[in-house]
Amino acid sequence: MLLMSRLIDGQFPNYRQLIPESFESRATVRRDELMEALGRVRLLAQKSSPVRLLFAEGTLTISAQSQDVGTAKESMPIEYEGEPLEIGFNPEFLLAGAGAVLDEDVDMRFISPLRPGLLRGKEDDFLYLIMPIRLTD
């Protein structure tokens, strides 16, 4: 195996300024349930289509649609604080973020459907900033 790297002269971008200070809504989801549901629903998401996450009090509904095949929809119980929120994400990026959380639960925080969301473990210091995809009706 050959590993190559190159040092870049300059300052590393200040990623901390991208992380919001406060959030409008917060959900706690069982990591394994989230990943399993995303794995199933993403099978129907077309390559350029996001999965839809609908957060409401006590429930997360994940859905994807394909014109050729149909619609996939899964719901799961969650802890949720905030107004109902529908937001879209690339399923691969969402799976990568949830998969990197080491805890049993994923803490998800949002401001709005068009602002970055944050995934983190409840006990670890891991942060995953994820950009949403604008949903069309």
N, C-alpha and C. Protein backbone atom coordinates (compact mmCIF):
# COMPACT_ATOMS: atom_id res chain seq x y z
N MET A 1 0.84 -1.16 0.00
CA MET A 1 0.00 0.00 0.00
C MET A 1 0.89 1.23 0.00
N LEU A 2 0.50 2.21 -0.76
CA LEU A 2 1.22 3.47 -0.86
C LEU A 2 0.30 4.58 -0.40
N LEU A 3 0.76 5.37 0.53
CA LEU A 3 -0.01 6.50 1.05
C LEU A 3 0.78 7.76 0.78
N MET A 4 0.14 8.70 0.11
CA MET A 4 0.81 9.97 -0.20
C MET A 4 0.00 11.10 0.42
N SER A 5 0.70 12.11 0.87
CA SER A 5 0.03 13.30 1.38
C SER A 5 0.86 14.52 1.03
N ARG A 6 0.21 15.66 1.07
CA ARG A 6 0.91 16.90 0.77
C ARG A 6 0.42 17.96 1.75
N LEU A 7 1.34 18.66 2.33
CA LEU A 7 0.99 19.74 3.24
C LEU A 7 0.61 20.97 2.43
N ILE A 8 -0.44 21.61 2.85
CA ILE A 8 -0.87 22.83 2.19
C ILE A 8 -0.55 23.99 3.11
N ASP A 9 0.14 24.96 2.56
CA ASP A 9 0.50 26.13 3.35
C ASP A 9 -0.70 27.06 3.44
N GLY A 10 -1.07 27.44 4.62
CA GLY A 10 -2.20 28.33 4.79
C GLY A 10 -2.97 28.00 6.04
N GLN A 11 -4.03 28.72 6.24
CA GLN A 11 -4.86 28.53 7.43
C GLN A 11 -6.03 27.61 7.11
N PHE A 12 -6.29 26.67 8.01
CA PHE A 12 -7.43 25.78 7.85
C PHE A 12 -8.71 26.59 8.01
N PRO A 13 -9.72 26.34 7.17
CA PRO A 13 -10.96 27.12 7.27
C PRO A 13 -11.59 27.01 8.66
N ASN A 14 -12.19 28.10 9.11
CA ASN A 14 -12.83 28.14 10.42
C ASN A 14 -14.21 27.47 10.33
N TYR A 15 -14.24 26.17 10.55
CA TYR A 15 -15.49 25.42 10.44
C TYR A 15 -16.44 25.75 11.59
N ARG A 16 -15.92 26.20 12.71
CA ARG A 16 -16.77 26.47 13.87
C ARG A 16 -17.79 27.57 13.59
N GLN A 17 -17.47 28.50 12.69
CA GLN A 17 -18.42 29.56 12.38
C GLN A 17 -19.62 29.03 11.60
N LEU A 18 -19.52 27.83 11.04
CA LEU A 18 -20.64 27.22 10.33
C LEU A 18 -21.62 26.52 11.27
N ILE A 19 -21.17 26.22 12.48
CA ILE A 19 -22.01 25.49 13.43
C ILE A 19 -22.90 26.50 14.16
N PRO A 20 -24.21 26.36 14.00
CA PRO A 20 -25.12 27.32 14.64
C PRO A 20 -25.00 27.29 16.17
N GLU A 21 -25.26 28.44 16.76
CA GLU A 21 -25.22 28.57 18.22
C GLU A 21 -26.49 28.03 18.87
N SER A 22 -27.64 28.26 18.22
CA SER A 22 -28.91 27.82 18.79
C SER A 22 -29.75 27.16 17.70
N PHE A 23 -30.74 26.40 18.14
CA PHE A 23 -31.57 25.62 17.22
C PHE A 23 -33.04 25.80 17.58
N GLU A 24 -33.89 25.64 16.58
CA GLU A 24 -35.33 25.76 16.78
C GLU A 24 -35.97 24.43 17.17
N SER A 25 -35.36 23.32 16.74
CA SER A 25 -35.93 22.01 17.05
C SER A 25 -34.82 21.01 17.32
N ARG A 26 -35.20 19.98 18.08
CA ARG A 26 -34.23 18.97 18.49
C ARG A 26 -34.94 17.62 18.58
N ALA A 27 -34.28 16.59 18.04
CA ALA A 27 -34.83 15.24 18.08
C ALA A 27 -33.77 14.28 18.60
N THR A 28 -34.22 13.28 19.33
CA THR A 28 -33.35 12.19 19.76
C THR A 28 -33.92 10.91 19.16
N VAL A 29 -33.08 10.23 18.37
CA VAL A 29 -33.51 9.06 17.60
C VAL A 29 -32.59 7.90 17.92
N ARG A 30 -33.16 6.70 18.03
CA ARG A 30 -32.33 5.50 18.21
C ARG A 30 -31.49 5.31 16.95
N ARG A 31 -30.19 5.25 17.11
CA ARG A 31 -29.26 5.18 15.99
C ARG A 31 -29.55 4.00 15.07
N ASP A 32 -29.69 2.80 15.64
CA ASP A 32 -29.90 1.61 14.83
C ASP A 32 -31.21 1.68 14.05
N GLU A 33 -32.28 2.16 14.70
CA GLU A 33 -33.57 2.28 14.02
C GLU A 33 -33.49 3.28 12.86
N LEU A 34 -32.81 4.39 13.10
CA LEU A 34 -32.65 5.41 12.05
C LEU A 34 -31.90 4.85 10.86
N MET A 35 -30.80 4.17 11.12
CA MET A 35 -29.98 3.64 10.02
C MET A 35 -30.70 2.55 9.25
N GLU A 36 -31.42 1.69 9.94
CA GLU A 36 -32.16 0.63 9.25
C GLU A 36 -33.27 1.22 8.38
N ALA A 37 -34.02 2.17 8.92
CA ALA A 37 -35.10 2.80 8.15
C ALA A 37 -34.54 3.56 6.95
N LEU A 38 -33.47 4.31 7.15
CA LEU A 38 -32.85 5.03 6.04
C LEU A 38 -32.35 4.07 4.96
N GLY A 39 -31.78 2.95 5.39
CA GLY A 39 -31.30 1.96 4.44
C GLY A 39 -32.41 1.41 3.56
N ARG A 40 -33.57 1.20 4.15
CA ARG A 40 -34.70 0.68 3.37
C ARG A 40 -35.32 1.75 2.48
N VAL A 41 -35.54 2.93 3.03
CA VAL A 41 -36.23 3.98 2.29
C VAL A 41 -35.37 4.51 1.14
N ARG A 42 -34.07 4.58 1.35
CA ARG A 42 -33.20 5.14 0.30
C ARG A 42 -33.20 4.30 -0.96
N LEU A 43 -33.62 3.03 -0.87
CA LEU A 43 -33.67 2.18 -2.05
C LEU A 43 -34.61 2.74 -3.10
N LEU A 44 -35.62 3.48 -2.67
CA LEU A 44 -36.56 4.08 -3.62
C LEU A 44 -36.20 5.51 -4.01
N ALA A 45 -35.28 6.11 -3.31
CA ALA A 45 -34.88 7.48 -3.65
C ALA A 45 -34.05 7.45 -4.93
N GLN A 46 -34.44 8.26 -5.89
CA GLN A 46 -33.65 8.35 -7.11
C GLN A 46 -32.34 9.04 -6.78
N LYS A 47 -31.34 8.86 -7.64
CA LYS A 47 -30.01 9.38 -7.35
C LYS A 47 -29.99 10.87 -7.00
N SER A 48 -30.82 11.64 -7.64
CA SER A 48 -30.82 13.08 -7.37
C SER A 48 -31.91 13.50 -6.39
N SER A 49 -32.64 12.55 -5.85
CA SER A 49 -33.75 12.88 -4.95
C SER A 49 -33.36 12.69 -3.49
N PRO A 50 -33.78 13.61 -2.64
CA PRO A 50 -33.50 13.45 -1.21
C PRO A 50 -34.51 12.52 -0.54
N VAL A 51 -34.17 12.08 0.65
CA VAL A 51 -35.17 11.46 1.51
C VAL A 51 -35.79 12.60 2.31
N ARG A 52 -37.08 12.44 2.60
CA ARG A 52 -37.81 13.45 3.38
C ARG A 52 -37.91 12.98 4.82
N LEU A 53 -37.60 13.85 5.74
CA LEU A 53 -37.77 13.57 7.15
C LEU A 53 -38.82 14.53 7.69
N LEU A 54 -39.88 13.97 8.24
CA LEU A 54 -40.94 14.77 8.84
C LEU A 54 -40.91 14.53 10.34
N PHE A 55 -40.52 15.57 11.07
CA PHE A 55 -40.45 15.51 12.53
C PHE A 55 -41.72 16.11 13.11
N ALA A 56 -42.34 15.39 14.00
CA ALA A 56 -43.50 15.87 14.73
C ALA A 56 -43.39 15.33 16.15
N GLU A 57 -44.23 15.80 17.03
CA GLU A 57 -44.16 15.37 18.42
C GLU A 57 -44.24 13.86 18.53
N GLY A 58 -43.15 13.24 18.98
CA GLY A 58 -43.11 11.81 19.23
C GLY A 58 -42.88 10.92 18.03
N THR A 59 -42.82 11.48 16.81
CA THR A 59 -42.71 10.63 15.62
C THR A 59 -41.80 11.24 14.56
N LEU A 60 -40.98 10.39 13.95
CA LEU A 60 -40.21 10.75 12.76
C LEU A 60 -40.70 9.87 11.63
N THR A 61 -41.08 10.49 10.51
CA THR A 61 -41.48 9.75 9.31
C THR A 61 -40.45 10.03 8.23
N ILE A 62 -39.86 8.96 7.71
CA ILE A 62 -38.86 9.06 6.64
C ILE A 62 -39.51 8.53 5.37
N SER A 63 -39.40 9.29 4.27
CA SER A 63 -40.01 8.84 3.03
C SER A 63 -39.14 9.19 1.83
N ALA A 64 -39.35 8.44 0.76
CA ALA A 64 -38.68 8.69 -0.52
C ALA A 64 -39.64 8.26 -1.61
N GLN A 65 -39.48 8.86 -2.77
CA GLN A 65 -40.40 8.58 -3.86
C GLN A 65 -39.63 8.38 -5.16
N SER A 66 -40.11 7.43 -5.94
CA SER A 66 -39.58 7.18 -7.27
C SER A 66 -40.76 7.12 -8.23
N GLN A 67 -40.68 7.84 -9.32
CA GLN A 67 -41.79 7.84 -10.28
C GLN A 67 -42.02 6.46 -10.88
N ASP A 68 -40.96 5.70 -11.03
CA ASP A 68 -41.08 4.38 -11.65
C ASP A 68 -41.57 3.30 -10.71
N VAL A 69 -41.19 3.39 -9.44
CA VAL A 69 -41.46 2.29 -8.51
C VAL A 69 -42.56 2.62 -7.50
N GLY A 70 -42.53 3.81 -6.94
CA GLY A 70 -43.54 4.16 -5.95
C GLY A 70 -42.94 4.93 -4.79
N THR A 71 -43.54 4.76 -3.62
CA THR A 71 -43.15 5.50 -2.43
C THR A 71 -42.80 4.55 -1.30
N ALA A 72 -41.77 4.90 -0.56
CA ALA A 72 -41.42 4.17 0.66
C ALA A 72 -41.59 5.13 1.82
N LYS A 73 -42.16 4.63 2.91
CA LYS A 73 -42.40 5.48 4.08
C LYS A 73 -42.25 4.64 5.33
N GLU A 74 -41.49 5.14 6.28
CA GLU A 74 -41.31 4.46 7.57
C GLU A 74 -41.43 5.48 8.68
N SER A 75 -42.04 5.07 9.78
CA SER A 75 -42.17 5.94 10.95
C SER A 75 -41.55 5.26 12.16
N MET A 76 -41.07 6.09 13.07
CA MET A 76 -40.47 5.56 14.30
C MET A 76 -40.70 6.54 15.44
N PRO A 77 -40.74 6.03 16.66
CA PRO A 77 -40.91 6.92 17.81
C PRO A 77 -39.61 7.67 18.09
N ILE A 78 -39.74 8.93 18.46
CA ILE A 78 -38.59 9.76 18.80
C ILE A 78 -38.97 10.68 19.95
N GLU A 79 -37.97 11.31 20.53
CA GLU A 79 -38.19 12.43 21.43
C GLU A 79 -37.99 13.67 20.57
N TYR A 80 -38.95 14.59 20.59
CA TYR A 80 -38.86 15.76 19.72
C TYR A 80 -39.33 17.01 20.44
N GLU A 81 -38.56 18.08 20.29
CA GLU A 81 -38.91 19.39 20.83
C GLU A 81 -38.91 20.37 19.68
N GLY A 82 -40.01 21.09 19.50
CA GLY A 82 -40.06 22.10 18.45
C GLY A 82 -41.32 21.96 17.62
N GLU A 83 -41.47 22.88 16.68
CA GLU A 83 -42.59 22.85 15.75
C GLU A 83 -42.37 21.72 14.74
N PRO A 84 -43.45 21.18 14.15
CA PRO A 84 -43.27 20.16 13.11
C PRO A 84 -42.34 20.68 12.01
N LEU A 85 -41.49 19.80 11.51
CA LEU A 85 -40.47 20.19 10.54
C LEU A 85 -40.34 19.12 9.48
N GLU A 86 -40.36 19.54 8.22
CA GLU A 86 -40.07 18.62 7.11
C GLU A 86 -38.80 19.12 6.43
N ILE A 87 -37.83 18.22 6.30
CA ILE A 87 -36.52 18.59 5.78
C ILE A 87 -36.00 17.45 4.91
N GLY A 88 -35.23 17.77 3.88
CA GLY A 88 -34.71 16.76 2.97
C GLY A 88 -33.19 16.67 3.06
N PHE A 89 -32.68 15.43 2.93
CA PHE A 89 -31.24 15.21 2.95
C PHE A 89 -30.85 14.16 1.91
N ASN A 90 -29.61 14.24 1.48
CA ASN A 90 -29.03 13.16 0.69
C ASN A 90 -28.94 11.95 1.62
N PRO A 91 -29.55 10.82 1.25
CA PRO A 91 -29.56 9.68 2.17
C PRO A 91 -28.17 9.13 2.49
N GLU A 92 -27.25 9.21 1.54
CA GLU A 92 -25.90 8.70 1.79
C GLU A 92 -25.18 9.55 2.84
N PHE A 93 -25.33 10.86 2.75
CA PHE A 93 -24.69 11.75 3.72
C PHE A 93 -25.30 11.56 5.11
N LEU A 94 -26.62 11.39 5.15
CA LEU A 94 -27.29 11.20 6.43
C LEU A 94 -26.89 9.87 7.07
N LEU A 95 -26.78 8.83 6.26
CA LEU A 95 -26.32 7.53 6.77
C LEU A 95 -24.88 7.62 7.28
N ALA A 96 -24.04 8.34 6.57
CA ALA A 96 -22.64 8.48 6.99
C ALA A 96 -22.55 9.18 8.34
N GLY A 97 -23.34 10.23 8.52
CA GLY A 97 -23.32 10.95 9.79
C GLY A 97 -23.85 10.13 10.94
N ALA A 98 -24.99 9.48 10.72
CA ALA A 98 -25.57 8.64 11.78
C ALA A 98 -24.65 7.46 12.10
N GLY A 99 -24.02 6.91 11.08
CA GLY A 99 -23.13 5.77 11.29
C GLY A 99 -21.87 6.12 12.07
N ALA A 100 -21.48 7.38 12.04
CA ALA A 100 -20.28 7.80 12.76
C ALA A 100 -20.54 8.09 14.23
N VAL A 101 -21.79 8.22 14.61
CA VAL A 101 -22.14 8.44 16.02
C VAL A 101 -21.92 7.13 16.77
N LEU A 102 -21.21 7.19 17.88
CA LEU A 102 -20.87 5.99 18.64
C LEU A 102 -21.91 5.62 19.69
N ASP A 103 -22.78 6.54 20.02
CA ASP A 103 -23.79 6.30 21.05
C ASP A 103 -24.99 5.54 20.48
N GLU A 104 -25.86 5.08 21.38
CA GLU A 104 -27.09 4.40 20.96
C GLU A 104 -28.09 5.38 20.35
N ASP A 105 -28.01 6.63 20.76
CA ASP A 105 -28.94 7.65 20.28
C ASP A 105 -28.21 8.71 19.46
N VAL A 106 -28.91 9.23 18.46
CA VAL A 106 -28.40 10.34 17.66
C VAL A 106 -29.21 11.57 18.05
N ASP A 107 -28.52 12.62 18.40
CA ASP A 107 -29.14 13.90 18.72
C ASP A 107 -29.12 14.73 17.44
N MET A 108 -30.30 15.10 16.94
CA MET A 108 -30.41 15.86 15.70
C MET A 108 -30.98 17.23 16.03
N ARG A 109 -30.32 18.28 15.52
CA ARG A 109 -30.75 19.65 15.81
C ARG A 109 -30.90 20.43 14.51
N PHE A 110 -31.96 21.24 14.45
CA PHE A 110 -32.27 21.97 13.23
C PHE A 110 -32.73 23.39 13.53
N ILE A 111 -32.52 24.27 12.56
CA ILE A 111 -33.03 25.64 12.63
C ILE A 111 -34.22 25.76 11.69
N SER A 112 -34.03 25.35 10.44
CA SER A 112 -35.08 25.43 9.43
C SER A 112 -34.77 24.43 8.32
N PRO A 113 -35.72 24.20 7.41
CA PRO A 113 -35.48 23.25 6.32
C PRO A 113 -34.39 23.66 5.33
N LEU A 114 -33.94 24.90 5.40
CA LEU A 114 -32.92 25.38 4.46
C LEU A 114 -31.59 25.71 5.11
N ARG A 115 -31.46 25.46 6.39
CA ARG A 115 -30.22 25.74 7.12
C ARG A 115 -29.57 24.42 7.52
N PRO A 116 -28.25 24.42 7.72
CA PRO A 116 -27.56 23.18 8.09
C PRO A 116 -28.12 22.57 9.37
N GLY A 117 -28.13 21.25 9.41
CA GLY A 117 -28.52 20.51 10.60
C GLY A 117 -27.28 19.95 11.27
N LEU A 118 -27.43 19.54 12.50
CA LEU A 118 -26.31 19.02 13.27
C LEU A 118 -26.68 17.66 13.84
N LEU A 119 -25.82 16.68 13.65
CA LEU A 119 -25.98 15.36 14.25
C LEU A 119 -24.85 15.17 15.24
N ARG A 120 -25.16 14.59 16.37
CA ARG A 120 -24.13 14.33 17.37
C ARG A 120 -24.58 13.21 18.28
N GLY A 121 -23.63 12.62 18.99
CA GLY A 121 -23.95 11.64 20.01
C GLY A 121 -24.29 12.37 21.30
N LYS A 122 -25.05 11.71 22.14
CA LYS A 122 -25.41 12.34 23.42
C LYS A 122 -24.22 12.38 24.37
N GLU A 123 -23.35 11.39 24.28
CA GLU A 123 -22.25 11.28 25.23
C GLU A 123 -20.89 11.63 24.64
N ASP A 124 -20.73 11.55 23.31
CA ASP A 124 -19.41 11.84 22.74
C ASP A 124 -19.36 13.27 22.21
N ASP A 125 -18.17 13.70 21.79
CA ASP A 125 -18.02 15.07 21.31
C ASP A 125 -18.01 15.16 19.78
N PHE A 126 -18.50 14.13 19.12
CA PHE A 126 -18.57 14.09 17.66
C PHE A 126 -19.66 15.04 17.16
N LEU A 127 -19.35 15.82 16.13
CA LEU A 127 -20.32 16.70 15.49
C LEU A 127 -20.32 16.41 13.99
N TYR A 128 -21.50 16.38 13.39
CA TYR A 128 -21.63 16.17 11.95
C TYR A 128 -22.59 17.22 11.42
N LEU A 129 -22.06 18.15 10.67
CA LEU A 129 -22.86 19.22 10.07
C LEU A 129 -23.34 18.73 8.71
N ILE A 130 -24.63 18.81 8.46
CA ILE A 130 -25.19 18.30 7.21
C ILE A 130 -26.08 19.36 6.57
N MET A 131 -25.87 19.55 5.28
CA MET A 131 -26.65 20.53 4.53
C MET A 131 -27.92 19.87 4.00
N PRO A 132 -29.05 20.54 4.14
CA PRO A 132 -30.30 19.98 3.62
C PRO A 132 -30.42 20.21 2.11
N ILE A 133 -31.37 19.51 1.52
CA ILE A 133 -31.71 19.68 0.11
C ILE A 133 -33.11 20.28 0.08
N ARG A 134 -33.28 21.30 -0.73
CA ARG A 134 -34.59 21.96 -0.84
C ARG A 134 -35.61 20.95 -1.38
N LEU A 135 -36.73 20.84 -0.68
CA LEU A 135 -37.79 19.92 -1.10
C LEU A 135 -38.77 20.63 -2.01
N THR A 136 -39.24 19.90 -3.01
CA THR A 136 -40.32 20.39 -3.86
C THR A 136 -41.55 19.55 -3.58
N ASP A 137 -42.71 20.13 -3.69
CA ASP A 137 -43.93 19.38 -3.38
C ASP A 137 -44.39 18.52 -4.49
